Amino acid sequence: MKVTRWPALAFFIVIMIAAFVLEDDEGISSIEQVFERNQAFLVGDRQDLSSTWYCVSGTVGGSGIADHEILLGNPSNKVANASITVIPVLSPNQLSTENDEPNVSSELKILQLPSVTTDVIIPERSTFSIKLSDIEGVNGEHAAAFIQSDLGDLVAEHRLSGKVGVSQSFCSSNASTEWNFAAGTTRSGSREIISIYNPFPDNAVLDITFAADGRTRRPEAFNGLVVPPNALLPIDITDVVTLAETIGARIETRIGRVVAERMLFFGDEFDPRGLSSGIGSPTLNNIWVFPGGFDTESNSSLVVYNPSSNSEAEVEVEIISDVKSGPYIEPVNISVKPGSLEQVIFGGGSDPSESASKLDVSDRIPRGVPFWVVVRSLNKVPIVSERFGVTLESLVASSGSNMGIDLAAREHFFISNSSGGKLAVVLPAEDRLTLLQLFAYSEGKIYESQIIEVSAKSRKIIDLQQLGIPEDALIRVISSEPVALERYLLSQMMGQWDRVAAGTSGLVELEISPQPFE
């Protein structure tokens, strides 16, 4: 990348505006103009007077399992001010049993500690990071962060670092009455923790339902569970649904709204296999896309969860090759019963826990052919879908789960802490290409990439290292057409695809028509 010349930036913006203005009216549907579903993380408009983010999962104590670090990005030309309020808790293994405090849950034994607030400044066109454990007065084990800023388009992520790996993911910009997870696990050698944060001044009352081992579980302890005002509740699912290979989870509130995030731990400090974290999906959808595809050389799979209590979902898994002249790859059709999940195996490996009941499609895909995947509910029963992978060797601690993409947008944001990694871009439109450009904001400067072209209904992989992305940069991706986008985070202790935040402008419902058989 190179330092931006403002005329070049202005020229690209003119191209974008021209594309919007000249676009034929028939090409803009009412769905494109109004996006009504709640989303976990959206970057606001610069004209907004403020922004709010919730970073829910992470630790601050001496356990070192997921040290919580906040990452903030400022793409504007002015200094941004932000307040970070840390909400710490003690979990059961740190509680004294001699006397219970009034605010200790009789069932989950979580002790809320006093919150701590600090003010920070994020310079213009720059990033900023701070570890919660470095903030004076922060104690406890688990801790969430509530961030408020005077900048409408502030970007907030968090990094968790532990003995088994590193994970970086977006914080949430919204609370919701429901949260869905498709691919948790408590298999041998793993651990799952779902943290629930109530940022509001009234109690939230909720129910949690799990799907595992072919059946639905509704533990009594999580039926009518009360989360006090401004409280954090980390729940170790390993103690609730034991030794389950794959777990779907649905959180529904009776009263109030909350934010829910999941952490997955694989291996131990002597054999680290990965740390994965991510906000759940606040809505279900009929279509999910995985622009990054799946690794057929390792143990990777697709999990589809149907939380419905009475409707079976008829689901098609479409495998789309990047090689247009290559052989047609037959879609996979599965039925997902109410309150259950199904798993489709893409990668090989020799994981002894794999069962013969799962659908293995690895032999359908020609060796060495790159591909991406669309998951579609044919009978419109809404679902949620995740990518799930388990590292069988500890060379790269990349085990984990990550949600698919269920929207398209003309603007995306993410924070990059290294010059490596990749972007996978899918253009859903069938009758037009898109022009795409990356802008990196670092240490007060703006860097720009060349303009990149993505063909109609296709995928493009962009190598960030080849573009010369600077370290510790906020990346803004602008495209002339709405695209679905994933990033690949790569380091010695991390190697995972993950979602990025979309901008609120140019946000549309994801629509990808099935491939015709030729």
Protein backbone atom coordinates (compact mmCIF):
# COMPACT_ATOMS: atom_id res chain seq x y z
CA MET A 1 0.00 0.00 0.00
CA LYS A 2 1.05 3.61 -0.38
CA VAL A 3 0.34 6.82 1.46
CA THR A 4 -2.91 8.19 0.10
CA ARG A 5 -2.91 11.02 -2.38
CA TRP A 6 -6.19 12.80 -1.69
CA PRO A 7 -7.08 13.22 -5.40
CA ALA A 8 -6.87 9.44 -5.76
CA LEU A 9 -9.16 8.93 -2.77
CA ALA A 10 -11.59 11.52 -4.11
CA PHE A 11 -11.57 9.85 -7.53
CA PHE A 12 -12.47 6.48 -6.03
CA ILE A 13 -15.30 8.04 -4.03
CA VAL A 14 -16.60 9.63 -7.23
CA ILE A 15 -16.58 6.17 -8.83
CA MET A 16 -18.57 4.79 -5.89
CA ILE A 17 -21.14 7.59 -6.03
CA ALA A 18 -21.49 7.25 -9.78
CA ALA A 19 -22.09 3.53 -9.40
CA PHE A 20 -24.88 4.19 -6.89
CA VAL A 21 -26.50 6.94 -8.99
CA LEU A 22 -26.32 5.16 -12.33
CA GLU A 23 -27.50 1.84 -10.94
CA ASP A 24 -30.74 0.88 -12.64
CA ASP A 25 -33.83 1.22 -10.44
CA GLU A 26 -34.76 -2.38 -11.18
CA GLY A 27 -31.45 -3.46 -9.69
CA ILE A 28 -32.32 -1.98 -6.28
CA SER A 29 -34.90 -3.99 -4.43
CA SER A 30 -36.93 -2.85 -1.45
CA ILE A 31 -34.88 -5.30 0.60
CA GLU A 32 -31.74 -3.38 -0.31
CA GLN A 33 -33.26 -0.11 0.79
CA VAL A 34 -34.51 -1.30 4.21
CA PHE A 35 -32.51 -3.62 6.46
CA GLU A 36 -34.56 -4.45 9.54
CA ARG A 37 -32.86 -7.43 11.20
CA ASN A 38 -30.74 -6.83 14.28
CA GLN A 39 -27.00 -7.37 13.77
CA ALA A 40 -24.32 -8.08 16.35
CA PHE A 41 -21.85 -5.45 15.19
CA LEU A 42 -22.33 -2.50 12.88
CA VAL A 43 -20.09 0.55 12.55
CA GLY A 44 -22.12 3.74 12.76
CA ASP A 45 -22.05 6.79 10.55
CA ARG A 46 -19.51 9.54 11.14
CA GLN A 47 -22.37 12.01 11.51
CA ASP A 48 -23.65 10.09 14.55
CA LEU A 49 -22.88 11.87 17.80
CA SER A 50 -21.76 8.76 19.68
CA SER A 51 -21.15 5.02 19.52
CA THR A 52 -21.45 2.16 22.00
CA TRP A 53 -19.70 -1.23 22.09
CA TYR A 54 -19.92 -4.24 24.42
CA CYS A 55 -16.86 -6.53 24.75
CA VAL A 56 -18.20 -9.39 26.84
CA SER A 57 -15.80 -12.35 27.08
CA GLY A 58 -12.33 -12.39 28.58
CA THR A 59 -10.38 -12.70 31.81
CA VAL A 60 -8.35 -10.32 33.96
CA GLY A 61 -7.23 -12.58 36.80
CA GLY A 62 -4.14 -14.69 37.23
CA SER A 63 -5.55 -17.70 35.39
CA GLY A 64 -4.21 -16.43 32.07
CA ILE A 65 -6.78 -18.36 30.04
CA ALA A 66 -8.08 -15.40 28.00
CA ASP A 67 -6.40 -12.13 28.95
CA HIS A 68 -8.76 -9.39 27.77
CA GLU A 69 -7.39 -6.57 25.58
CA ILE A 70 -9.49 -3.86 23.92
CA LEU A 71 -8.65 -2.67 20.37
CA LEU A 72 -10.10 0.63 19.13
CA GLY A 73 -9.88 2.18 15.67
CA ASN A 74 -10.50 5.80 14.64
CA PRO A 75 -10.91 6.40 10.87
CA SER A 76 -11.82 10.07 11.26
CA ASN A 77 -9.75 13.23 10.98
CA LYS A 78 -10.36 14.21 14.60
CA VAL A 79 -9.32 12.86 17.98
CA ALA A 80 -11.88 10.48 19.52
CA ASN A 81 -12.64 10.33 23.23
CA ALA A 82 -13.90 7.12 24.80
CA SER A 83 -14.76 5.81 28.25
CA ILE A 84 -14.14 2.15 29.06
CA THR A 85 -16.13 0.72 31.97
CA VAL A 86 -14.85 -2.66 33.16
CA ILE A 87 -17.39 -5.03 34.73
CA PRO A 88 -15.42 -7.71 36.64
CA VAL A 89 -16.71 -10.82 38.42
CA LEU A 90 -15.42 -13.64 40.56
CA SER A 91 -16.47 -17.08 39.40
CA PRO A 92 -17.16 -20.06 41.72
CA ASN A 93 -13.59 -21.31 42.03
CA GLN A 94 -12.55 -17.96 43.57
CA LEU A 95 -15.50 -17.51 45.95
CA SER A 96 -15.27 -17.97 49.68
CA THR A 97 -17.85 -20.45 50.96
CA GLU A 98 -17.85 -19.02 54.50
CA ASN A 99 -20.42 -16.30 53.81
CA ASP A 100 -22.51 -15.46 50.76
CA GLU A 101 -23.00 -11.85 49.76
CA PRO A 102 -26.54 -10.68 48.87
CA ASN A 103 -25.69 -10.34 45.17
CA VAL A 104 -24.36 -13.88 44.76
CA SER A 105 -26.55 -16.16 42.64
CA SER A 106 -27.61 -19.19 44.66
CA GLU A 107 -27.33 -21.36 41.57
CA LEU A 108 -24.33 -20.07 39.64
CA LYS A 109 -22.35 -18.48 42.49
CA ILE A 110 -21.13 -15.44 40.59
CA LEU A 111 -19.97 -12.42 42.61
CA GLN A 112 -20.15 -9.05 40.87
CA LEU A 113 -17.27 -6.74 41.79
CA PRO A 114 -17.31 -2.92 41.61
CA SER A 115 -16.99 -1.60 38.08
CA VAL A 116 -14.05 0.59 37.08
CA THR A 117 -14.11 3.36 34.44
CA THR A 118 -11.19 4.92 32.61
CA ASP A 119 -11.05 7.52 29.85
CA VAL A 120 -8.88 7.08 26.76
CA ILE A 121 -8.01 9.10 23.66
CA ILE A 122 -7.73 7.58 20.19
CA PRO A 123 -5.73 9.80 17.81
CA GLU A 124 -7.10 10.57 14.37
CA ARG A 125 -6.59 7.89 11.69
CA SER A 126 -5.05 5.53 14.25
CA THR A 127 -5.62 2.53 16.50
CA PHE A 128 -5.36 2.18 20.28
CA SER A 129 -5.16 -0.84 22.58
CA ILE A 130 -5.37 -1.40 26.32
CA LYS A 131 -5.42 -4.52 28.51
CA LEU A 132 -8.22 -4.50 31.06
CA SER A 133 -5.91 -5.93 33.72
CA ASP A 134 -3.67 -2.84 33.33
CA ILE A 135 -6.50 -0.49 34.33
CA GLU A 136 -6.07 0.57 37.95
CA GLY A 137 -8.63 -0.94 40.29
CA VAL A 138 -9.63 -3.89 38.09
CA ASN A 139 -9.78 -7.20 39.98
CA GLY A 140 -11.62 -10.49 39.60
CA GLU A 141 -11.43 -13.27 37.06
CA HIS A 142 -13.78 -12.63 34.12
CA ALA A 143 -14.46 -9.09 32.91
CA ALA A 144 -16.57 -7.36 30.27
CA ALA A 145 -15.99 -3.86 28.91
CA PHE A 146 -18.64 -1.26 28.09
CA ILE A 147 -17.29 1.38 25.68
CA GLN A 148 -18.85 4.76 24.93
CA SER A 149 -17.33 7.26 22.51
CA ASP A 150 -18.09 10.68 21.05
CA LEU A 151 -17.17 9.31 17.60
CA GLY A 152 -20.01 7.80 15.58
CA ASP A 153 -17.82 5.46 13.51
CA LEU A 154 -15.46 4.22 16.23
CA VAL A 155 -14.48 0.56 15.63
CA ALA A 156 -14.07 -1.82 18.60
CA GLU A 157 -12.60 -5.32 18.71
CA HIS A 158 -10.97 -7.31 21.47
CA ARG A 159 -8.13 -9.79 21.62
CA LEU A 160 -8.03 -12.70 24.06
CA SER A 161 -4.62 -14.26 24.79
CA GLY A 162 -4.16 -17.45 26.74
CA LYS A 163 -2.11 -20.58 27.21
CA VAL A 164 -3.89 -22.45 24.41
CA GLY A 165 -4.05 -19.71 21.80
CA VAL A 166 -5.06 -16.21 20.76
CA SER A 167 -8.40 -14.98 19.42
CA GLN A 168 -9.44 -11.63 17.99
CA SER A 169 -13.05 -10.76 17.27
CA PHE A 170 -15.47 -7.86 17.14
CA CYS A 171 -17.24 -6.54 20.18
CA SER A 172 -21.01 -6.10 19.89
CA SER A 173 -22.65 -2.81 19.00
CA ASN A 174 -26.14 -4.02 19.97
CA ALA A 175 -27.96 -5.87 22.72
CA SER A 176 -30.70 -8.31 21.73
CA THR A 177 -33.59 -10.41 23.02
CA GLU A 178 -32.03 -13.54 21.50
CA TRP A 179 -28.60 -14.98 20.73
CA ASN A 180 -27.79 -18.13 18.76
CA PHE A 181 -24.68 -20.33 18.57
CA ALA A 182 -24.41 -23.38 16.32
CA ALA A 183 -21.04 -24.99 17.02
CA GLY A 184 -19.87 -25.06 20.60
CA THR A 185 -18.22 -28.12 22.10
CA THR A 186 -17.32 -29.80 25.38
CA ARG A 187 -15.53 -32.74 23.78
CA SER A 188 -12.59 -34.22 25.68
CA GLY A 189 -9.78 -31.68 25.96
CA SER A 190 -12.02 -28.68 25.34
CA ARG A 191 -13.98 -26.14 27.36
CA GLU A 192 -16.86 -23.80 26.49
CA ILE A 193 -17.86 -20.64 28.35
CA ILE A 194 -20.78 -18.42 27.33
CA SER A 195 -20.73 -14.98 28.96
CA ILE A 196 -23.94 -12.94 29.21
CA TYR A 197 -23.87 -9.22 29.93
CA ASN A 198 -26.85 -7.07 30.90
CA PRO A 199 -25.84 -3.43 30.25
CA PHE A 200 -29.15 -1.93 31.35
CA PRO A 201 -30.45 -0.67 34.74
CA ASP A 202 -33.18 -3.34 35.05
CA ASN A 203 -33.07 -7.10 35.54
CA ALA A 204 -32.98 -9.33 32.47
CA VAL A 205 -34.75 -12.70 32.67
CA LEU A 206 -33.79 -15.37 30.15
CA ASP A 207 -33.93 -19.02 29.15
CA ILE A 208 -31.08 -21.04 27.63
CA THR A 209 -31.68 -24.09 25.44
CA PHE A 210 -28.97 -26.48 24.21
CA ALA A 211 -28.91 -28.98 21.35
CA ALA A 212 -26.43 -31.84 21.68
CA ASP A 213 -26.23 -35.57 21.03
CA GLY A 214 -29.42 -35.52 18.97
CA ARG A 215 -31.65 -34.05 21.66
CA THR A 216 -32.72 -30.73 23.16
CA ARG A 217 -31.71 -29.85 26.71
CA ARG A 218 -33.34 -27.22 28.89
CA PRO A 219 -31.52 -27.28 32.25
CA GLU A 220 -33.69 -26.10 35.11
CA ALA A 221 -30.94 -23.75 36.32
CA PHE A 222 -31.19 -21.80 33.06
CA ASN A 223 -34.98 -21.56 32.98
CA GLY A 224 -35.96 -18.06 34.11
CA LEU A 225 -32.35 -17.12 34.85
CA VAL A 226 -32.05 -13.58 36.23
CA VAL A 227 -29.13 -11.37 35.17
CA PRO A 228 -28.99 -8.30 37.45
CA PRO A 229 -28.58 -4.76 36.10
CA ASN A 230 -25.11 -3.92 34.73
CA ALA A 231 -23.99 -7.46 35.52
CA LEU A 232 -21.81 -10.08 33.80
CA LEU A 233 -22.64 -13.78 34.01
CA PRO A 234 -20.00 -16.23 32.67
CA ILE A 235 -21.44 -19.76 32.37
CA ASP A 236 -19.13 -22.75 32.00
CA ILE A 237 -21.09 -24.95 29.61
CA THR A 238 -18.59 -27.76 30.22
CA ASP A 239 -20.31 -28.33 33.56
CA VAL A 240 -23.79 -28.26 32.01
CA VAL A 241 -23.55 -30.30 28.79
CA THR A 242 -20.65 -32.65 29.38
CA LEU A 243 -18.51 -34.34 26.71
CA ALA A 244 -20.68 -33.24 23.79
CA GLU A 245 -18.90 -33.14 20.46
CA THR A 246 -21.00 -30.29 19.06
CA ILE A 247 -23.42 -28.01 20.95
CA GLY A 248 -26.00 -25.58 19.66
CA ALA A 249 -27.23 -22.93 22.08
CA ARG A 250 -30.09 -20.43 22.02
CA ILE A 251 -30.55 -17.64 24.57
CA GLU A 252 -33.98 -15.96 24.70
CA THR A 253 -34.98 -13.22 27.10
CA ARG A 254 -38.39 -12.98 28.72
CA ILE A 255 -37.57 -9.50 30.00
CA GLY A 256 -34.87 -7.12 28.80
CA ARG A 257 -32.01 -7.38 26.33
CA VAL A 258 -28.51 -8.80 26.80
CA VAL A 259 -25.25 -9.44 24.92
CA ALA A 260 -23.85 -12.98 24.68
CA GLU A 261 -20.40 -14.14 23.62
CA ARG A 262 -18.82 -17.60 23.59
CA MET A 263 -15.26 -18.72 24.31
CA LEU A 264 -13.90 -22.13 23.28
CA PHE A 265 -10.64 -23.56 24.61
CA PHE A 266 -8.82 -26.52 23.04
CA GLY A 267 -5.88 -28.40 24.57
CA ASP A 268 -3.72 -27.14 27.42
CA GLU A 269 -0.52 -25.17 27.96
CA PHE A 270 1.59 -28.23 27.08
CA ASP A 271 -0.44 -29.07 23.98
CA PRO A 272 -2.19 -25.85 22.84
CA ARG A 273 -4.83 -26.41 20.15
CA GLY A 274 -6.61 -23.06 20.00
CA LEU A 275 -8.72 -20.34 21.60
CA SER A 276 -11.85 -19.13 19.82
CA SER A 277 -14.24 -16.33 20.77
CA GLY A 278 -17.20 -14.69 19.11
CA ILE A 279 -20.47 -12.86 19.62
CA GLY A 280 -23.51 -14.98 18.78
CA SER A 281 -26.04 -14.18 16.09
CA PRO A 282 -28.97 -12.04 17.33
CA THR A 283 -31.18 -13.29 14.49
CA LEU A 284 -31.72 -16.42 12.44
CA ASN A 285 -31.71 -16.31 8.65
CA ASN A 286 -32.58 -18.40 5.60
CA ILE A 287 -29.14 -18.04 4.00
CA TRP A 288 -25.54 -18.05 5.24
CA VAL A 289 -22.35 -17.78 3.23
CA PHE A 290 -18.77 -18.76 4.05
CA PRO A 291 -16.54 -16.74 1.69
CA GLY A 292 -13.37 -18.29 3.10
CA GLY A 293 -14.50 -21.81 2.25
CA PHE A 294 -13.26 -24.82 4.20
CA ASP A 295 -9.90 -26.53 4.61
CA THR A 296 -10.18 -30.00 3.09
CA GLU A 297 -6.71 -30.96 4.37
CA SER A 298 -7.61 -30.65 8.05
CA ASN A 299 -10.53 -31.51 10.29
CA SER A 300 -13.14 -28.92 9.30
CA SER A 301 -16.91 -29.05 9.14
CA LEU A 302 -20.08 -27.02 8.75
CA VAL A 303 -22.70 -27.04 11.51
CA VAL A 304 -26.35 -26.08 10.92
CA TYR A 305 -28.57 -25.46 13.95
CA ASN A 306 -32.37 -25.25 13.80
CA PRO A 307 -33.68 -23.77 17.08
CA SER A 308 -37.33 -24.07 16.02
CA SER A 309 -39.50 -26.02 18.44
CA ASN A 310 -41.83 -27.49 15.80
CA SER A 311 -40.53 -26.99 12.22
CA GLU A 312 -38.00 -29.11 10.38
CA ALA A 313 -35.53 -27.20 8.18
CA GLU A 314 -34.77 -28.52 4.70
CA VAL A 315 -31.28 -27.21 4.03
CA GLU A 316 -29.12 -27.15 0.92
CA VAL A 317 -25.35 -26.76 1.23
CA GLU A 318 -24.00 -25.40 -2.04
CA ILE A 319 -20.28 -25.81 -2.81
CA ILE A 320 -19.18 -23.23 -5.39
CA SER A 321 -15.83 -23.74 -7.10
CA ASP A 322 -13.58 -20.81 -8.02
CA VAL A 323 -12.76 -22.70 -11.21
CA LYS A 324 -15.60 -21.76 -13.56
CA SER A 325 -14.60 -24.36 -16.14
CA GLY A 326 -14.27 -27.10 -13.54
CA PRO A 327 -16.68 -29.94 -12.81
CA TYR A 328 -20.07 -29.26 -11.23
CA ILE A 329 -20.08 -30.02 -7.49
CA GLU A 330 -23.40 -31.48 -6.44
CA PRO A 331 -25.09 -29.65 -3.54
CA VAL A 332 -25.70 -31.41 -0.25
CA ASN A 333 -29.26 -31.68 1.08
CA ILE A 334 -29.89 -32.28 4.76
CA SER A 335 -32.92 -32.24 7.05
CA VAL A 336 -32.44 -30.55 10.41
CA LYS A 337 -35.07 -31.58 12.94
CA PRO A 338 -36.60 -29.03 15.33
CA GLY A 339 -34.24 -28.13 18.15
CA SER A 340 -31.32 -30.06 16.70
CA LEU A 341 -28.21 -29.63 14.58
CA GLU A 342 -26.50 -31.39 11.69
CA GLN A 343 -22.84 -31.49 10.72
CA VAL A 344 -21.28 -31.67 7.24
CA ILE A 345 -17.63 -32.77 7.10
CA PHE A 346 -15.38 -31.04 4.56
CA GLY A 347 -11.92 -31.89 5.85
CA GLY A 348 -10.23 -35.19 6.52
CA GLY A 349 -7.95 -35.69 9.44
CA SER A 350 -8.09 -38.57 11.86
CA ASP A 351 -10.12 -37.20 14.73
CA PRO A 352 -11.18 -40.28 16.71
CA SER A 353 -14.32 -38.52 17.94
CA GLU A 354 -15.82 -38.26 14.46
CA SER A 355 -18.91 -40.38 14.16
CA ALA A 356 -20.12 -42.26 11.10
CA SER A 357 -23.52 -40.53 11.32
CA LYS A 358 -22.15 -37.24 9.99
CA LEU A 359 -22.28 -36.47 6.30
CA ASP A 360 -18.78 -36.46 4.78
CA VAL A 361 -18.64 -34.56 1.47
CA SER A 362 -14.87 -34.34 1.11
CA ASP A 363 -14.90 -36.86 -1.74
CA ARG A 364 -17.22 -34.61 -3.79
CA ILE A 365 -14.65 -31.83 -4.02
CA PRO A 366 -11.81 -32.22 -6.55
CA ARG A 367 -8.47 -32.12 -4.78
CA GLY A 368 -6.83 -28.72 -4.84
CA VAL A 369 -9.91 -26.87 -6.14
CA PRO A 370 -10.65 -23.72 -4.06
CA PHE A 371 -14.31 -23.17 -3.18
CA TRP A 372 -16.76 -21.24 -1.06
CA VAL A 373 -20.02 -22.37 0.52
CA VAL A 374 -23.62 -21.18 0.68
CA VAL A 375 -26.06 -22.63 3.24
CA ARG A 376 -29.69 -22.15 2.25
CA SER A 377 -32.95 -23.09 4.00
CA LEU A 378 -35.14 -24.30 1.15
CA ASN A 379 -38.40 -24.22 3.12
CA LYS A 380 -37.64 -20.85 4.77
CA VAL A 381 -37.31 -22.22 8.29
CA PRO A 382 -34.64 -19.87 9.68
CA ILE A 383 -31.36 -21.37 10.86
CA VAL A 384 -27.90 -20.41 12.08
CA SER A 385 -24.67 -21.90 10.72
CA GLU A 386 -21.03 -21.96 11.80
CA ARG A 387 -17.67 -23.25 10.58
CA PHE A 388 -16.06 -25.67 13.05
CA GLY A 389 -12.49 -26.94 13.02
CA VAL A 390 -10.26 -28.94 15.32
CA THR A 391 -6.48 -28.85 15.02
CA LEU A 392 -5.05 -32.35 15.35
CA GLU A 393 -1.50 -31.03 15.70
CA SER A 394 -0.39 -28.09 17.84
CA LEU A 395 1.81 -26.47 15.16
CA VAL A 396 -0.83 -23.75 14.72
CA ALA A 397 -3.42 -23.38 17.46
CA SER A 398 -6.36 -22.84 15.12
CA SER A 399 -9.18 -24.92 16.60
CA GLY A 400 -12.46 -23.07 16.97
CA SER A 401 -15.82 -22.00 15.57
CA ASN A 402 -16.91 -18.92 13.66
CA MET A 403 -20.26 -17.74 12.39
CA GLY A 404 -21.14 -17.52 8.72
CA ILE A 405 -22.09 -14.25 7.01
CA ASP A 406 -25.79 -13.35 6.64
CA LEU A 407 -25.64 -9.87 5.09
CA ALA A 408 -23.90 -7.86 2.40
CA ALA A 409 -22.64 -4.28 2.54
CA ARG A 410 -20.73 -1.67 0.59
CA GLU A 411 -18.50 -0.78 3.53
CA HIS A 412 -16.62 -3.00 5.99
CA PHE A 413 -14.17 -2.36 8.84
CA PHE A 414 -11.66 -4.39 10.85
CA ILE A 415 -8.47 -3.90 12.87
CA SER A 416 -5.27 -5.58 11.68
CA ASN A 417 -2.39 -6.05 14.10
CA SER A 418 -0.02 -7.65 11.62
CA SER A 419 0.77 -7.33 7.95
CA GLY A 420 -0.41 -10.89 7.25
CA GLY A 421 -3.80 -12.50 6.78
CA LYS A 422 -6.33 -12.64 3.98
CA LEU A 423 -9.72 -11.33 2.93
CA ALA A 424 -12.35 -13.43 1.17
CA VAL A 425 -14.87 -11.38 -0.79
CA VAL A 426 -18.08 -12.76 -2.34
CA LEU A 427 -20.11 -10.67 -4.78
CA PRO A 428 -23.72 -11.96 -4.77
CA ALA A 429 -24.84 -9.92 -7.81
CA GLU A 430 -25.23 -11.99 -10.98
CA ASP A 431 -25.23 -9.23 -13.59
CA ARG A 432 -22.49 -6.82 -12.58
CA LEU A 433 -18.95 -6.70 -11.22
CA THR A 434 -17.79 -4.65 -8.26
CA LEU A 435 -14.84 -2.34 -7.74
CA LEU A 436 -13.24 -2.63 -4.33
CA GLN A 437 -10.51 -0.71 -2.52
CA LEU A 438 -8.86 -0.94 0.89
CA PHE A 439 -7.87 2.04 3.04
CA ALA A 440 -5.57 1.55 6.05
CA TYR A 441 -5.50 4.11 8.88
CA SER A 442 -2.31 3.95 10.94
CA GLU A 443 -0.36 6.49 13.03
CA GLY A 444 -2.24 9.42 11.53
CA LYS A 445 -1.72 8.39 7.91
CA ILE A 446 -4.00 6.86 5.30
CA TYR A 447 -2.73 4.13 3.00
CA GLU A 448 -4.61 2.95 -0.07
CA SER A 449 -4.58 -0.21 -2.16
CA GLN A 450 -5.05 -0.42 -5.87
CA ILE A 451 -8.63 -0.82 -7.08
CA ILE A 452 -9.58 -4.52 -7.14
CA GLU A 453 -12.20 -6.02 -9.44
CA VAL A 454 -14.50 -8.86 -8.37
CA SER A 455 -16.58 -10.57 -11.06
CA ALA A 456 -20.32 -11.20 -10.81
CA LYS A 457 -21.34 -14.02 -8.44
CA SER A 458 -17.79 -15.00 -7.66
CA ARG A 459 -15.23 -14.97 -4.89
CA LYS A 460 -11.84 -13.31 -4.64
CA ILE A 461 -9.13 -13.99 -2.06
CA ILE A 462 -7.01 -10.92 -1.24
CA ASP A 463 -3.57 -11.45 0.35
CA LEU A 464 -3.11 -8.57 2.80
CA GLN A 465 0.64 -9.10 3.03
CA GLN A 466 1.04 -8.61 -0.70
CA LEU A 467 -0.85 -5.32 -0.41
CA GLY A 468 1.64 -4.10 2.19
CA ILE A 469 -0.89 -3.50 4.95
CA PRO A 470 0.88 -1.71 7.85
CA GLU A 471 0.81 -3.25 11.31
CA ASP A 472 -1.65 -1.92 13.90
CA ALA A 473 -3.99 -0.45 11.31
CA LEU A 474 -7.72 0.08 10.98
CA ILE A 475 -8.81 -1.25 7.59
CA ARG A 476 -11.80 0.14 5.71
CA VAL A 477 -13.06 -1.76 2.65
CA ILE A 478 -15.29 0.11 0.19
CA SER A 479 -17.02 -1.58 -2.74
CA SER A 480 -19.31 -0.31 -5.48
CA GLU A 481 -21.72 -3.23 -4.90
CA PRO A 482 -22.75 -4.95 -1.65
CA VAL A 483 -20.40 -7.84 -0.86
CA ALA A 484 -20.09 -10.52 1.83
CA LEU A 485 -16.67 -10.50 3.45
CA GLU A 486 -14.57 -12.62 5.82
CA ARG A 487 -11.03 -12.11 7.08
CA TYR A 488 -8.38 -14.69 7.95
CA LEU A 489 -6.33 -13.91 11.05
CA LEU A 490 -2.91 -15.55 11.07
CA SER A 491 -0.18 -15.65 13.70
CA GLN A 492 1.88 -18.26 15.51
CA MET A 493 -0.97 -18.83 17.98
CA MET A 494 -3.94 -18.10 15.73
CA GLY A 495 -5.26 -19.13 12.33
CA GLN A 496 -9.00 -18.60 11.86
CA TRP A 497 -11.57 -17.09 9.53
CA ASP A 498 -13.80 -14.54 11.21
CA ARG A 499 -16.50 -11.96 10.54
CA VAL A 500 -15.84 -8.25 10.10
CA ALA A 501 -18.09 -5.30 10.92
CA ALA A 502 -20.24 -3.78 8.21
CA GLY A 503 -20.98 -0.09 7.94
CA THR A 504 -24.60 0.95 8.31
CA SER A 505 -24.58 2.62 4.89
CA GLY A 506 -25.23 0.32 1.94
CA LEU A 507 -26.34 -2.57 4.16
CA VAL A 508 -28.53 -5.15 2.38
CA GLU A 509 -30.04 -8.57 2.90
CA LEU A 510 -27.90 -11.36 1.50
CA GLU A 511 -29.36 -12.93 -1.65
CA ILE A 512 -27.47 -15.59 -3.63
CA SER A 513 -29.40 -17.60 -6.20
CA PRO A 514 -28.62 -21.33 -6.59
CA GLN A 515 -26.15 -22.33 -9.26
CA PRO A 516 -27.76 -23.84 -12.38
CA PHE A 517 -26.75 -27.38 -13.26
CA GLU A 518 -25.07 -27.41 -16.66
